Amino acid sequence: MSVKVRMTRSGSKKRPFYRIVAINSDSRRDGRPLEFLGYYNPNTNPGTLSIDNDKLQAWVGKGAELSDTVRTLLKKLGK
């Protein structure tokens, strides 16, 4: 069972808010995460992204894979 760093959806209808989490790859999209790493709010202009780099690096060091969307957001942030 591998671990992925991906986003879970929160917020109300048509106003999404995403949490960036470390989660087992077998879990459903909004399943129980292993740890919360940050959040992404696309409703602001520009979108707000906050992430704890220490926690992220710890999970990547343990072998967690980044999802394509999280990888793209981190490139935009410059991390």
Protein backbone atom coordinates (compact mmCIF):
# COMPACT_ATOMS: atom_id res chain seq x y z
CA MET A 1 0.00 0.00 0.00
CA SER A 2 1.57 3.26 -1.10
CA VAL A 3 1.02 6.76 0.22
CA LYS A 4 0.12 9.71 -1.99
CA VAL A 5 0.03 13.43 -1.38
CA ARG A 6 -3.19 14.64 -2.97
CA MET A 7 -6.16 16.94 -2.45
CA THR A 8 -9.51 16.32 -0.78
CA ARG A 9 -12.50 18.49 -1.59
CA SER A 10 -14.33 20.52 1.03
CA GLY A 11 -16.60 23.52 0.88
CA SER A 12 -20.12 24.01 -0.31
CA LYS A 13 -21.70 23.47 -3.70
CA LYS A 14 -19.90 25.44 -6.45
CA ARG A 15 -17.45 26.91 -3.88
CA PRO A 16 -14.73 24.28 -3.55
CA PHE A 17 -11.96 24.35 -0.99
CA TYR A 18 -9.21 21.73 -1.06
CA ARG A 19 -7.03 20.28 1.68
CA ILE A 20 -3.66 18.82 0.76
CA VAL A 21 -3.25 15.53 2.60
CA ALA A 22 -1.08 12.45 2.85
CA ILE A 23 -3.38 9.46 2.29
CA ASN A 24 -3.22 5.79 1.35
CA SER A 25 -3.59 5.41 -2.41
CA ASP A 26 -6.41 2.87 -1.93
CA SER A 27 -8.62 5.36 -0.07
CA ARG A 28 -11.46 7.26 -1.70
CA ARG A 29 -11.08 10.95 -2.53
CA ASP A 30 -12.51 12.24 0.74
CA GLY A 31 -11.38 9.30 2.88
CA ARG A 32 -9.60 9.57 6.19
CA PRO A 33 -6.12 11.06 5.68
CA LEU A 34 -2.95 10.13 7.49
CA GLU A 35 -2.00 13.80 7.95
CA PHE A 36 -3.11 17.26 6.80
CA LEU A 37 -0.32 19.14 5.03
CA GLY A 38 -1.97 22.35 3.88
CA TYR A 39 -4.82 23.83 1.85
CA TYR A 40 -5.66 25.37 -1.52
CA ASN A 41 -8.46 27.89 -2.01
CA PRO A 42 -9.22 28.56 -5.70
CA ASN A 43 -12.03 31.02 -4.85
CA THR A 44 -9.65 33.89 -4.16
CA ASN A 45 -7.95 35.81 -6.95
CA PRO A 46 -5.21 34.57 -7.27
CA GLY A 47 -5.79 31.21 -5.60
CA THR A 48 -4.44 30.83 -2.05
CA LEU A 49 -2.03 27.98 -1.35
CA SER A 50 -0.56 27.22 2.05
CA ILE A 51 1.51 24.13 2.78
CA ASP A 52 3.78 22.96 5.61
CA ASN A 53 7.08 22.23 3.85
CA ASP A 54 8.55 20.26 6.75
CA LYS A 55 5.64 17.81 6.79
CA LEU A 56 5.66 17.56 2.99
CA GLN A 57 9.38 16.79 2.84
CA ALA A 58 8.99 14.21 5.61
CA TRP A 59 6.31 12.34 3.64
CA VAL A 60 8.23 12.56 0.37
CA GLY A 61 11.30 11.27 2.22
CA LYS A 62 9.24 8.28 3.36
CA GLY A 63 8.35 7.51 -0.25
CA ALA A 64 5.03 9.29 -0.74
CA GLU A 65 4.19 10.23 -4.34
CA LEU A 66 2.79 13.64 -5.30
CA SER A 67 -0.34 13.74 -7.42
CA ASP A 68 -0.08 15.64 -10.71
CA THR A 69 -2.27 18.47 -9.41
CA VAL A 70 -0.29 18.94 -6.21
CA ARG A 71 2.97 18.86 -8.17
CA THR A 72 1.66 21.59 -10.51
CA LEU A 73 0.53 23.78 -7.60
CA LEU A 74 3.91 23.44 -5.91
CA LYS A 75 5.68 24.48 -9.15
CA LYS A 76 3.50 27.60 -9.31
CA LEU A 77 4.40 28.35 -5.69
CA GLY A 78 8.07 27.80 -6.47
CA LYS A 79 8.76 24.96 -4.03
